[in-house]
Amino acid sequence: MASFRTTDDESDAVLRPMRVAVRREDVFAEAKDMVADLAAWKLVREDAERLELHCERSGGLLGGAASVRIRVEGPDGIPSATLTLECEASGLFGRAKQVAREFLEPFRRRVG
C-alpha cells in the first residue's frame, strides 16, 4: 500500500496544500463538483460540517483502488481557504501520488 499527503515540503508545487483567496465553503463545493467530474472517482461520504470529502478512485487491474480524503479549512466568512488531500492506494502499483495529482492538477486550474 502506498500513501501520500499534501505538505509544504513537497518539491512539486501541484502536490502542496492549495491556498486560495476564496471562501472555504466555495472551495468545498468546487471540490465536490470536481470529484463528480472525474472518471473513476466516487464520493463515498461527505462531512459538510468539517468540510471533508471521502472518496474512492477505482484503479483497474494493476492499479488497485485508492481511498482519498479531501479537506478544506479556513476562517469563517473570509476569502481564505486551504485544501489538503490524503491518499492511500492499494494494488500492485499503488500510485497514491498519481491519484492525488489527478485531482489537484485540474482543481488548481479550476479554482486557483
PDB file of N, CA and C in Angstrom:
ATOM      1  N   MET A   1       0.848  -1.184   0.000  1.00  0.00           N
ATOM      2  CA  MET A   1       0.000   0.000   0.000  1.00  0.00           C
ATOM      3  C   MET A   1       0.888   1.239   0.000  1.00  0.00           C
ATOM      4  N   ALA A   2       0.517   2.193  -0.798  1.00  0.00           N
ATOM      5  CA  ALA A   2       1.238   3.463  -0.890  1.00  0.00           C
ATOM      6  C   ALA A   2       0.359   4.567  -0.332  1.00  0.00           C
ATOM      7  N   SER A   3       0.992   5.546   0.302  1.00  0.00           N
ATOM      8  CA  SER A   3       0.226   6.676   0.825  1.00  0.00           C
ATOM      9  C   SER A   3       0.899   7.982   0.439  1.00  0.00           C
ATOM     10  N   PHE A   4       0.090   9.025   0.415  1.00  0.00           N
ATOM     11  CA  PHE A   4       0.568  10.363   0.086  1.00  0.00           C
ATOM     12  C   PHE A   4      -0.288  11.380   0.820  1.00  0.00           C
ATOM     13  N   ARG A   5       0.351  12.459   1.233  1.00  0.00           N
ATOM     14  CA  ARG A   5      -0.346  13.576   1.884  1.00  0.00           C
ATOM     15  C   ARG A   5       0.283  14.874   1.384  1.00  0.00           C
ATOM     16  N   THR A   6      -0.547  15.853   1.041  1.00  0.00           N
ATOM     17  CA  THR A   6      -0.007  17.149   0.624  1.00  0.00           C
ATOM     18  C   THR A   6       0.721  17.786   1.802  1.00  0.00           C
ATOM     19  N   THR A   7       1.927  18.303   1.526  1.00  0.00           N
ATOM     20  CA  THR A   7       2.700  19.013   2.553  1.00  0.00           C
ATOM     21  C   THR A   7       3.432  20.177   1.895  1.00  0.00           C
ATOM     22  N   ASP A   8       3.797  21.147   2.695  1.00  0.00           N
ATOM     23  CA  ASP A   8       4.557  22.282   2.180  1.00  0.00           C
ATOM     24  C   ASP A   8       5.978  21.887   1.791  1.00  0.00           C
ATOM     25  N   ASP A   9       6.444  20.734   2.260  1.00  0.00           N
ATOM     26  CA  ASP A   9       7.790  20.268   1.934  1.00  0.00           C
ATOM     27  C   ASP A   9       7.876  19.609   0.561  1.00  0.00           C
ATOM     28  N   GLU A  10       6.755  19.358  -0.069  1.00  0.00           N
ATOM     29  CA  GLU A  10       6.734  18.695  -1.375  1.00  0.00           C
ATOM     30  C   GLU A  10       7.422  19.567  -2.416  1.00  0.00           C
ATOM     31  N   SER A  11       8.327  18.974  -3.196  1.00  0.00           N
ATOM     32  CA  SER A  11       9.067  19.750  -4.206  1.00  0.00           C
ATOM     33  C   SER A  11       8.179  20.160  -5.384  1.00  0.00           C
ATOM     34  N   ASP A  12       7.167  19.364  -5.697  1.00  0.00           N
ATOM     35  CA  ASP A  12       6.250  19.669  -6.798  1.00  0.00           C
ATOM     36  C   ASP A  12       5.116  20.552  -6.274  1.00  0.00           C
ATOM     37  N   ALA A  13       5.021  21.772  -6.775  1.00  0.00           N
ATOM     38  CA  ALA A  13       4.027  22.738  -6.290  1.00  0.00           C
ATOM     39  C   ALA A  13       2.595  22.233  -6.432  1.00  0.00           C
ATOM     40  N   VAL A  14       2.311  21.419  -7.438  1.00  0.00           N
ATOM     41  CA  VAL A  14       0.961  20.881  -7.633  1.00  0.00           C
ATOM     42  C   VAL A  14       0.545  20.011  -6.453  1.00  0.00           C
ATOM     43  N   LEU A  15       1.513  19.365  -5.803  1.00  0.00           N
ATOM     44  CA  LEU A  15       1.227  18.412  -4.732  1.00  0.00           C
ATOM     45  C   LEU A  15       1.343  19.008  -3.331  1.00  0.00           C
ATOM     46  N   ARG A  16       1.410  20.329  -3.250  1.00  0.00           N
ATOM     47  CA  ARG A  16       1.405  21.013  -1.953  1.00  0.00           C
ATOM     48  C   ARG A  16      -0.032  21.384  -1.574  1.00  0.00           C
ATOM     49  N   PRO A  17      -0.290  21.701  -0.302  1.00  0.00           N
ATOM     50  CA  PRO A  17      -1.623  22.205   0.061  1.00  0.00           C
ATOM     51  C   PRO A  17      -1.952  23.426  -0.799  1.00  0.00           C
ATOM     52  N   MET A  18      -3.193  23.530  -1.187  1.00  0.00           N
ATOM     53  CA  MET A  18      -3.622  24.628  -2.066  1.00  0.00           C
ATOM     54  C   MET A  18      -4.241  25.736  -1.234  1.00  0.00           C
ATOM     55  N   ARG A  19      -3.657  26.920  -1.329  1.00  0.00           N
ATOM     56  CA  ARG A  19      -4.156  28.092  -0.608  1.00  0.00           C
ATOM     57  C   ARG A  19      -4.694  29.091  -1.620  1.00  0.00           C
ATOM     58  N   VAL A  20      -5.950  29.493  -1.408  1.00  0.00           N
ATOM     59  CA  VAL A  20      -6.588  30.419  -2.343  1.00  0.00           C
ATOM     60  C   VAL A  20      -7.376  31.482  -1.577  1.00  0.00           C
ATOM     61  N   ALA A  21      -7.570  32.614  -2.227  1.00  0.00           N
ATOM     62  CA  ALA A  21      -8.362  33.704  -1.653  1.00  0.00           C
ATOM     63  C   ALA A  21      -9.819  33.524  -2.054  1.00  0.00           C
ATOM     64  N   VAL A  22     -10.401  32.439  -1.584  1.00  0.00           N
ATOM     65  CA  VAL A  22     -11.792  32.078  -1.866  1.00  0.00           C
ATOM     66  C   VAL A  22     -12.373  31.559  -0.562  1.00  0.00           C
ATOM     67  N   ARG A  23     -13.658  31.823  -0.339  1.00  0.00           N
ATOM     68  CA  ARG A  23     -14.295  31.323   0.897  1.00  0.00           C
ATOM     69  C   ARG A  23     -14.234  29.809   0.943  1.00  0.00           C
ATOM     70  N   ARG A  24     -14.023  29.278   2.117  1.00  0.00           N
ATOM     71  CA  ARG A  24     -13.842  27.831   2.280  1.00  0.00           C
ATOM     72  C   ARG A  24     -15.052  27.030   1.794  1.00  0.00           C
ATOM     73  N   GLU A  25     -16.258  27.556   1.991  1.00  0.00           N
ATOM     74  CA  GLU A  25     -17.461  26.858   1.553  1.00  0.00           C
ATOM     75  C   GLU A  25     -17.498  26.727   0.029  1.00  0.00           C
ATOM     76  N   ASP A  26     -17.014  27.755  -0.661  1.00  0.00           N
ATOM     77  CA  ASP A  26     -16.989  27.736  -2.123  1.00  0.00           C
ATOM     78  C   ASP A  26     -15.938  26.747  -2.642  1.00  0.00           C
ATOM     79  N   VAL A  27     -14.791  26.681  -1.974  1.00  0.00           N
ATOM     80  CA  VAL A  27     -13.748  25.721  -2.348  1.00  0.00           C
ATOM     81  C   VAL A  27     -14.262  24.298  -2.127  1.00  0.00           C
ATOM     82  N   PHE A  28     -14.949  24.077  -1.024  1.00  0.00           N
ATOM     83  CA  PHE A  28     -15.518  22.762  -0.721  1.00  0.00           C
ATOM     84  C   PHE A  28     -16.527  22.354  -1.800  1.00  0.00           C
ATOM     85  N   ALA A  29     -17.406  23.265  -2.184  1.00  0.00           N
ATOM     86  CA  ALA A  29     -18.403  22.972  -3.228  1.00  0.00           C
ATOM     87  C   ALA A  29     -17.724  22.648  -4.559  1.00  0.00           C
ATOM     88  N   GLU A  30     -16.683  23.388  -4.900  1.00  0.00           N
ATOM     89  CA  GLU A  30     -15.948  23.126  -6.146  1.00  0.00           C
ATOM     90  C   GLU A  30     -15.232  21.776  -6.086  1.00  0.00           C
ATOM     91  N   ALA A  31     -14.701  21.422  -4.915  1.00  0.00           N
ATOM     92  CA  ALA A  31     -14.034  20.122  -4.765  1.00  0.00           C
ATOM     93  C   ALA A  31     -15.032  18.990  -4.968  1.00  0.00           C
ATOM     94  N   LYS A  32     -16.213  19.146  -4.424  1.00  0.00           N
ATOM     95  CA  LYS A  32     -17.263  18.134  -4.595  1.00  0.00           C
ATOM     96  C   LYS A  32     -17.644  18.011  -6.069  1.00  0.00           C
ATOM     97  N   ASP A  33     -17.785  19.129  -6.756  1.00  0.00           N
ATOM     98  CA  ASP A  33     -18.087  19.110  -8.191  1.00  0.00           C
ATOM     99  C   ASP A  33     -16.953  18.455  -8.988  1.00  0.00           C
ATOM    100  N   MET A  34     -15.712  18.719  -8.578  1.00  0.00           N
ATOM    101  CA  MET A  34     -14.558  18.152  -9.279  1.00  0.00           C
ATOM    102  C   MET A  34     -14.561  16.636  -9.172  1.00  0.00           C
ATOM    103  N   VAL A  35     -14.853  16.111  -7.995  1.00  0.00           N
ATOM    104  CA  VAL A  35     -14.918  14.657  -7.804  1.00  0.00           C
ATOM    105  C   VAL A  35     -15.973  14.065  -8.741  1.00  0.00           C
ATOM    106  N   ALA A  36     -17.115  14.723  -8.854  1.00  0.00           N
ATOM    107  CA  ALA A  36     -18.182  14.242  -9.740  1.00  0.00           C
ATOM    108  C   ALA A  36     -17.749  14.263 -11.209  1.00  0.00           C
ATOM    109  N   ASP A  37     -16.859  15.174 -11.564  1.00  0.00           N
ATOM    110  CA  ASP A  37     -16.419  15.307 -12.947  1.00  0.00           C
ATOM    111  C   ASP A  37     -15.313  14.324 -13.341  1.00  0.00           C
ATOM    112  N   LEU A  38     -14.644  13.729 -12.361  1.00  0.00           N
ATOM    113  CA  LEU A  38     -13.518  12.843 -12.651  1.00  0.00           C
ATOM    114  C   LEU A  38     -13.985  11.409 -12.894  1.00  0.00           C
ATOM    115  N   ALA A  39     -13.557  10.847 -14.017  1.00  0.00           N
ATOM    116  CA  ALA A  39     -13.865   9.441 -14.304  1.00  0.00           C
ATOM    117  C   ALA A  39     -13.164   8.565 -13.266  1.00  0.00           C
ATOM    118  N   ALA A  40     -13.815   7.515 -12.863  1.00  0.00           N
ATOM    119  CA  ALA A  40     -13.284   6.524 -11.913  1.00  0.00           C
ATOM    120  C   ALA A  40     -13.291   7.017 -10.457  1.00  0.00           C
ATOM    121  N   TRP A  41     -13.743   8.242 -10.203  1.00  0.00           N
ATOM    122  CA  TRP A  41     -13.831   8.760  -8.839  1.00  0.00           C
ATOM    123  C   TRP A  41     -15.281   8.673  -8.364  1.00  0.00           C
ATOM    124  N   LYS A  42     -15.437   8.379  -7.077  1.00  0.00           N
ATOM    125  CA  LYS A  42     -16.769   8.282  -6.490  1.00  0.00           C
ATOM    126  C   LYS A  42     -16.748   8.896  -5.084  1.00  0.00           C
ATOM    127  N   LEU A  43     -17.715   9.749  -4.821  1.00  0.00           N
ATOM    128  CA  LEU A  43     -17.871  10.315  -3.484  1.00  0.00           C
ATOM    129  C   LEU A  43     -18.508   9.253  -2.595  1.00  0.00           C
ATOM    130  N   VAL A  44     -17.822   8.890  -1.513  1.00  0.00           N
ATOM    131  CA  VAL A  44     -18.308   7.865  -0.594  1.00  0.00           C
ATOM    132  C   VAL A  44     -19.058   8.505   0.560  1.00  0.00           C
ATOM    133  N   ARG A  45     -18.470   9.577   1.095  1.00  0.00           N
ATOM    134  CA  ARG A  45     -19.079  10.245   2.246  1.00  0.00           C
ATOM    135  C   ARG A  45     -18.667  11.706   2.241  1.00  0.00           C
ATOM    136  N   GLU A  46     -19.609  12.534   2.648  1.00  0.00           N
ATOM    137  CA  GLU A  46     -19.377  13.982   2.735  1.00  0.00           C
ATOM    138  C   GLU A  46     -19.661  14.421   4.162  1.00  0.00           C
ATOM    139  N   ASP A  47     -18.756  15.198   4.722  1.00  0.00           N
ATOM    140  CA  ASP A  47     -18.960  15.788   6.042  1.00  0.00           C
ATOM    141  C   ASP A  47     -18.960  17.305   5.846  1.00  0.00           C
ATOM    142  N   ALA A  48     -20.138  17.862   5.618  1.00  0.00           N
ATOM    143  CA  ALA A  48     -20.253  19.291   5.318  1.00  0.00           C
ATOM    144  C   ALA A  48     -19.868  20.159   6.509  1.00  0.00           C
ATOM    145  N   GLU A  49     -20.043  19.650   7.711  1.00  0.00           N
ATOM    146  CA  GLU A  49     -19.682  20.419   8.904  1.00  0.00           C
ATOM    147  C   GLU A  49     -18.162  20.559   9.034  1.00  0.00           C
ATOM    148  N   ARG A  50     -17.443  19.487   8.762  1.00  0.00           N
ATOM    149  CA  ARG A  50     -15.968  19.504   8.837  1.00  0.00           C
ATOM    150  C   ARG A  50     -15.314  19.863   7.513  1.00  0.00           C
ATOM    151  N   LEU A  51     -16.140  20.042   6.466  1.00  0.00           N
ATOM    152  CA  LEU A  51     -15.664  20.337   5.118  1.00  0.00           C
ATOM    153  C   LEU A  51     -14.681  19.268   4.632  1.00  0.00           C
ATOM    154  N   GLU A  52     -15.129  18.012   4.704  1.00  0.00           N
ATOM    155  CA  GLU A  52     -14.339  16.870   4.273  1.00  0.00           C
ATOM    156  C   GLU A  52     -15.113  16.027   3.265  1.00  0.00           C
ATOM    157  N   LEU A  53     -14.377  15.541   2.286  1.00  0.00           N
ATOM    158  CA  LEU A  53     -14.915  14.598   1.319  1.00  0.00           C
ATOM    159  C   LEU A  53     -14.099  13.314   1.425  1.00  0.00           C
ATOM    160  N   HIS A  54     -14.791  12.196   1.474  1.00  0.00           N
ATOM    161  CA  HIS A  54     -14.135  10.890   1.470  1.00  0.00           C
ATOM    162  C   HIS A  54     -14.521  10.228   0.153  1.00  0.00           C
ATOM    163  N   CYS A  55     -13.510   9.899  -0.635  1.00  0.00           N
ATOM    164  CA  CYS A  55     -13.733   9.422  -1.991  1.00  0.00           C
ATOM    165  C   CYS A  55     -13.006   8.109  -2.235  1.00  0.00           C
ATOM    166  N   GLU A  56     -13.440   7.417  -3.291  1.00  0.00           N
ATOM    167  CA  GLU A  56     -12.745   6.245  -3.789  1.00  0.00           C
ATOM    168  C   GLU A  56     -12.421   6.492  -5.245  1.00  0.00           C
ATOM    169  N   ARG A  57     -11.253   6.003  -5.622  1.00  0.00           N
ATOM    170  CA  ARG A  57     -10.839   6.070  -7.024  1.00  0.00           C
ATOM    171  C   ARG A  57     -10.519   4.648  -7.445  1.00  0.00           C
ATOM    172  N   SER A  58     -11.292   4.108  -8.391  1.00  0.00           N
ATOM    173  CA  SER A  58     -11.005   2.751  -8.849  1.00  0.00           C
ATOM    174  C   SER A  58      -9.725   2.785  -9.672  1.00  0.00           C
ATOM    175  N   GLY A  59      -8.983   1.675  -9.622  1.00  0.00           N
ATOM    176  CA  GLY A  59      -7.667   1.693 -10.254  1.00  0.00           C
ATOM    177  C   GLY A  59      -7.448   0.664 -11.325  1.00  0.00           C
ATOM    178  N   GLY A  60      -8.431  -0.111 -11.635  1.00  0.00           N
ATOM    179  CA  GLY A  60      -8.255  -1.107 -12.675  1.00  0.00           C
ATOM    180  C   GLY A  60      -7.503  -2.330 -12.192  1.00  0.00           C
ATOM    181  N   LEU A  61      -7.078  -3.152 -13.113  1.00  0.00           N
ATOM    182  CA  LEU A  61      -6.480  -4.438 -12.817  1.00  0.00           C
ATOM    183  C   LEU A  61      -5.195  -4.336 -11.999  1.00  0.00           C
ATOM    184  N   LEU A  62      -4.258  -3.515 -12.408  1.00  0.00           N
ATOM    185  CA  LEU A  62      -2.973  -3.420 -11.710  1.00  0.00           C
ATOM    186  C   LEU A  62      -2.885  -2.240 -10.753  1.00  0.00           C
ATOM    187  N   GLY A  63      -3.673  -1.221 -10.997  1.00  0.00           N
ATOM    188  CA  GLY A  63      -3.566  -0.012 -10.189  1.00  0.00           C
ATOM    189  C   GLY A  63      -4.173  -0.123  -8.809  1.00  0.00           C
ATOM    190  N   GLY A  64      -5.156  -0.967  -8.645  1.00  0.00           N
ATOM    191  CA  GLY A  64      -5.825  -1.067  -7.348  1.00  0.00           C
ATOM    192  C   GLY A  64      -6.669   0.161  -7.068  1.00  0.00           C
ATOM    193  N   ALA A  65      -7.396   0.088  -5.983  1.00  0.00           N
ATOM    194  CA  ALA A  65      -8.269   1.203  -5.595  1.00  0.00           C
ATOM    195  C   ALA A  65      -7.510   2.165  -4.690  1.00  0.00           C
ATOM    196  N   ALA A  66      -8.021   3.368  -4.602  1.00  0.00           N
ATOM    197  CA  ALA A  66      -7.436   4.372  -3.719  1.00  0.00           C
ATOM    198  C   ALA A  66      -8.538   5.002  -2.883  1.00  0.00           C
ATOM    199  N   SER A  67      -8.199   5.283  -1.647  1.00  0.00           N
ATOM    200  CA  SER A  67      -9.082   5.991  -0.732  1.00  0.00           C
ATOM    201  C   SER A  67      -8.511   7.397  -0.568  1.00  0.00           C
ATOM    202  N   VAL A  68      -9.351   8.403  -0.785  1.00  0.00           N
ATOM    203  CA  VAL A  68      -8.883   9.794  -0.783  1.00  0.00           C
ATOM    204  C   VAL A  68      -9.724  10.616   0.186  1.00  0.00           C
ATOM    205  N   ARG A  69      -9.032  11.422   1.007  1.00  0.00           N
ATOM    206  CA  ARG A  69      -9.724  12.358   1.892  1.00  0.00           C
ATOM    207  C   ARG A  69      -9.294  13.765   1.485  1.00  0.00           C
ATOM    208  N   ILE A  70     -10.278  14.595   1.184  1.00  0.00           N
ATOM    209  CA  ILE A  70     -10.045  15.990   0.804  1.00  0.00           C
ATOM    210  C   ILE A  70     -10.640  16.848   1.908  1.00  0.00           C
ATOM    211  N   ARG A  71      -9.844  17.789   2.400  1.00  0.00           N
ATOM    212  CA  ARG A  71     -10.304  18.637   3.499  1.00  0.00           C
ATOM    213  C   ARG A  71     -10.045  20.103   3.163  1.00  0.00           C
ATOM    214  N   VAL A  72     -11.014  20.952   3.514  1.00  0.00           N
ATOM    215  CA  VAL A  72     -10.881  22.392   3.291  1.00  0.00           C
ATOM    216  C   VAL A  72     -10.963  23.084   4.644  1.00  0.00           C
ATOM    217  N   GLU A  73     -10.023  23.984   4.897  1.00  0.00           N
ATOM    218  CA  GLU A  73     -10.002  24.753   6.143  1.00  0.00           C
ATOM    219  C   GLU A  73      -9.898  26.229   5.817  1.00  0.00           C
ATOM    220  N   GLY A  74     -10.307  27.047   6.764  1.00  0.00           N
ATOM    221  CA  GLY A  74     -10.201  28.489   6.600  1.00  0.00           C
ATOM    222  C   GLY A  74     -11.121  29.199   7.574  1.00  0.00           C
ATOM    223  N   PRO A  75     -10.911  30.489   7.749  1.00  0.00           N
ATOM    224  CA  PRO A  75     -11.742  31.259   8.679  1.00  0.00           C
ATOM    225  C   PRO A  75     -13.153  31.470   8.148  1.00  0.00           C
ATOM    226  N   ASP A  76     -14.092  31.652   9.055  1.00  0.00           N
ATOM    227  CA  ASP A  76     -15.489  31.915   8.695  1.00  0.00           C
ATOM    228  C   ASP A  76     -15.631  33.254   7.979  1.00  0.00           C
ATOM    229  N   GLY A  77     -16.322  33.248   6.845  1.00  0.00           N
ATOM    230  CA  GLY A  77     -16.697  34.482   6.170  1.00  0.00           C
ATOM    231  C   GLY A  77     -15.584  35.255   5.509  1.00  0.00           C
ATOM    232  N   ILE A  78     -14.366  34.766   5.541  1.00  0.00           N
ATOM    233  CA  ILE A  78     -13.230  35.486   4.951  1.00  0.00           C
ATOM    234  C   ILE A  78     -12.734  34.683   3.755  1.00  0.00           C
ATOM    235  N   PRO A  79     -12.457  35.338   2.635  1.00  0.00           N
ATOM    236  CA  PRO A  79     -11.985  34.607   1.459  1.00  0.00           C
ATOM    237  C   PRO A  79     -10.539  34.129   1.610  1.00  0.00           C
ATOM    238  N   SER A  80     -10.378  33.035   2.336  1.00  0.00           N
ATOM    239  CA  SER A  80      -9.068  32.418   2.559  1.00  0.00           C
ATOM    240  C   SER A  80      -9.298  30.951   2.895  1.00  0.00           C
ATOM    241  N   ALA A  81      -8.829  30.054   2.028  1.00  0.00           N
ATOM    242  CA  ALA A  81      -9.047  28.623   2.253  1.00  0.00           C
ATOM    243  C   ALA A  81      -7.800  27.832   1.895  1.00  0.00           C
ATOM    244  N   THR A  82      -7.649  26.708   2.577  1.00  0.00           N
ATOM    245  CA  THR A  82      -6.568  25.764   2.298  1.00  0.00           C
ATOM    246  C   THR A  82      -7.181  24.395   2.069  1.00  0.00           C
ATOM    247  N   LEU A  83      -6.840  23.789   0.947  1.00  0.00           N
ATOM    248  CA  LEU A  83      -7.303  22.451   0.631  1.00  0.00           C
ATOM    249  C   LEU A  83      -6.131  21.483   0.780  1.00  0.00           C
ATOM    250  N   THR A  84      -6.346  20.414   1.532  1.00  0.00           N
ATOM    251  CA  THR A  84      -5.353  19.362   1.677  1.00  0.00           C
ATOM    252  C   THR A  84      -5.950  18.046   1.209  1.00  0.00           C
ATOM    253  N   LEU A  85      -5.074  17.116   0.856  1.00  0.00           N
ATOM    254  CA  LEU A  85      -5.516  15.834   0.339  1.00  0.00           C
ATOM    255  C   LEU A  85      -4.630  14.735   0.913  1.00  0.00           C
ATOM    256  N   GLU A  86      -5.257  13.625   1.290  1.00  0.00           N
ATOM    257  CA  GLU A  86      -4.541  12.429   1.733  1.00  0.00           C
ATOM    258  C   GLU A  86      -5.034  11.263   0.891  1.00  0.00           C
ATOM    259  N   CYS A  87      -4.119  10.370   0.524  1.00  0.00           N
ATOM    260  CA  CYS A  87      -4.479   9.253  -0.343  1.00  0.00           C
ATOM    261  C   CYS A  87      -3.776   7.980   0.107  1.00  0.00           C
ATOM    262  N   GLU A  88      -4.527   6.900   0.142  1.00  0.00           N
ATOM    263  CA  GLU A  88      -3.999   5.553   0.388  1.00  0.00           C
ATOM    264  C   GLU A  88      -4.364   4.726  -0.833  1.00  0.00           C
ATOM    265  N   ALA A  89      -3.355   4.182  -1.512  1.00  0.00           N
ATOM    266  CA  ALA A  89      -3.602   3.403  -2.730  1.00  0.00           C
ATOM    267  C   ALA A  89      -3.121   1.975  -2.541  1.00  0.00           C
ATOM    268  N   SER A  90      -3.928   1.030  -3.009  1.00  0.00           N
ATOM    269  CA  SER A  90      -3.567  -0.378  -2.933  1.00  0.00           C
ATOM    270  C   SER A  90      -3.245  -0.891  -4.321  1.00  0.00           C
ATOM    271  N   GLY A  91      -2.975  -2.153  -4.418  1.00  0.00           N
ATOM    272  CA  GLY A  91      -2.713  -2.767  -5.712  1.00  0.00           C
ATOM    273  C   GLY A  91      -1.230  -2.948  -5.953  1.00  0.00           C
ATOM    274  N   LEU A  92      -0.930  -3.610  -7.043  1.00  0.00           N
ATOM    275  CA  LEU A  92       0.446  -3.919  -7.399  1.00  0.00           C
ATOM    276  C   LEU A  92       1.286  -2.660  -7.569  1.00  0.00           C
ATOM    277  N   PHE A  93       0.708  -1.643  -8.177  1.00  0.00           N
ATOM    278  CA  PHE A  93       1.404  -0.370  -8.379  1.00  0.00           C
ATOM    279  C   PHE A  93       0.639   0.728  -7.651  1.00  0.00           C
ATOM    280  N   GLY A  94       0.591   0.671  -6.331  1.00  0.00           N
ATOM    281  CA  GLY A  94      -0.139   1.674  -5.559  1.00  0.00           C
ATOM    282  C   GLY A  94       0.382   3.061  -5.868  1.00  0.00           C
ATOM    283  N   ARG A  95      -0.377   3.827  -6.574  1.00  0.00           N
ATOM    284  CA  ARG A  95       0.073   5.124  -7.091  1.00  0.00           C
ATOM    285  C   ARG A  95      -0.615   6.279  -6.379  1.00  0.00           C
ATOM    286  N   ALA A  96      -0.336   6.444  -5.141  1.00  0.00           N
ATOM    287  CA  ALA A  96      -1.007   7.474  -4.345  1.00  0.00           C
ATOM    288  C   ALA A  96      -0.713   8.878  -4.865  1.00  0.00           C
ATOM    289  N   LYS A  97       0.530   9.151  -5.221  1.00  0.00           N
ATOM    290  CA  LYS A  97       0.881  10.488  -5.720  1.00  0.00           C
ATOM    291  C   LYS A  97       0.187  10.783  -7.046  1.00  0.00           C
ATOM    292  N   GLN A  98       0.115   9.799  -7.913  1.00  0.00           N
ATOM    293  CA  GLN A  98      -0.542   9.998  -9.207  1.00  0.00           C
ATOM    294  C   GLN A  98      -2.038  10.235  -9.035  1.00  0.00           C
ATOM    295  N   VAL A  99      -2.646   9.536  -8.075  1.00  0.00           N
ATOM    296  CA  VAL A  99      -4.070   9.738  -7.796  1.00  0.00           C
ATOM    297  C   VAL A  99      -4.289  11.158  -7.272  1.00  0.00           C
ATOM    298  N   ALA A 100      -3.419  11.606  -6.362  1.00  0.00           N
ATOM    299  CA  ALA A 100      -3.521  12.967  -5.834  1.00  0.00           C
ATOM    300  C   ALA A 100      -3.383  13.990  -6.955  1.00  0.00           C
ATOM    301  N   ARG A 101      -2.424  13.778  -7.842  1.00  0.00           N
ATOM    302  CA  ARG A 101      -2.212  14.698  -8.964  1.00  0.00           C
ATOM    303  C   ARG A 101      -3.433  14.737  -9.886  1.00  0.00           C
ATOM    304  N   GLU A 102      -4.087  13.591 -10.046  1.00  0.00           N
ATOM    305  CA  GLU A 102      -5.266  13.507 -10.914  1.00  0.00           C
ATOM    306  C   GLU A 102      -6.366  14.461 -10.451  1.00  0.00           C
ATOM    307  N   PHE A 103      -6.456  14.688  -9.152  1.00  0.00           N
ATOM    308  CA  PHE A 103      -7.429  15.649  -8.619  1.00  0.00           C
ATOM    309  C   PHE A 103      -6.831  17.060  -8.578  1.00  0.00           C
ATOM    310  N   LEU A 104      -5.640  17.192  -8.012  1.00  0.00           N
ATOM    311  CA  LEU A 104      -5.075  18.514  -7.712  1.00  0.00           C
ATOM    312  C   LEU A 104      -4.740  19.347  -8.946  1.00  0.00           C
ATOM    313  N   GLU A 105      -4.214  18.724  -9.972  1.00  0.00           N
ATOM    314  CA  GLU A 105      -3.801  19.490 -11.156  1.00  0.00           C
ATOM    315  C   GLU A 105      -4.984  20.211 -11.817  1.00  0.00           C
ATOM    316  N   PRO A 106      -6.057  19.508 -12.161  1.00  0.00           N
ATOM    317  CA  PRO A 106      -7.184  20.237 -12.761  1.00  0.00           C
ATOM    318  C   PRO A 106      -7.909  21.133 -11.755  1.00  0.00           C
ATOM    319  N   PHE A 107      -7.881  20.757 -10.465  1.00  0.00           N
ATOM    320  CA  PHE A 107      -8.549  21.587  -9.461  1.00  0.00           C
ATOM    321  C   PHE A 107      -7.854  22.930  -9.313  1.00  0.00           C
ATOM    322  N   ARG A 108      -6.535  22.928  -9.389  1.00  0.00           N
ATOM    323  CA  ARG A 108      -5.783  24.202  -9.340  1.00  0.00           C
ATOM    324  C   ARG A 108      -6.165  25.106 -10.512  1.00  0.00           C
ATOM    325  N   ARG A 109      -6.366  24.519 -11.667  1.00  0.00           N
ATOM    326  CA  ARG A 109      -6.788  25.329 -12.828  1.00  0.00           C
ATOM    327  C   ARG A 109      -8.204  25.852 -12.634  1.00  0.00           C
ATOM    328  N   ARG A 110      -9.035  25.064 -12.013  1.00  0.00           N
ATOM    329  CA  ARG A 110     -10.439  25.420 -11.820  1.00  0.00           C
ATOM    330  C   ARG A 110     -10.608  26.526 -10.781  1.00  0.00           C
ATOM    331  N   VAL A 111      -9.895  26.438  -9.685  1.00  0.00           N
ATOM    332  CA  VAL A 111     -10.109  27.349  -8.547  1.00  0.00           C
ATOM    333  C   VAL A 111      -8.990  28.382  -8.415  1.00  0.00           C
ATOM    334  N   GLY A 112      -7.770  27.961  -8.684  1.00  0.00           N
ATOM    335  CA  GLY A 112      -6.600  28.811  -8.437  1.00  0.00           C
ATOM    336  C   GLY A 112      -6.483  29.900  -9.410  1.00  0.00           C
TER     337      GLY A 112
END
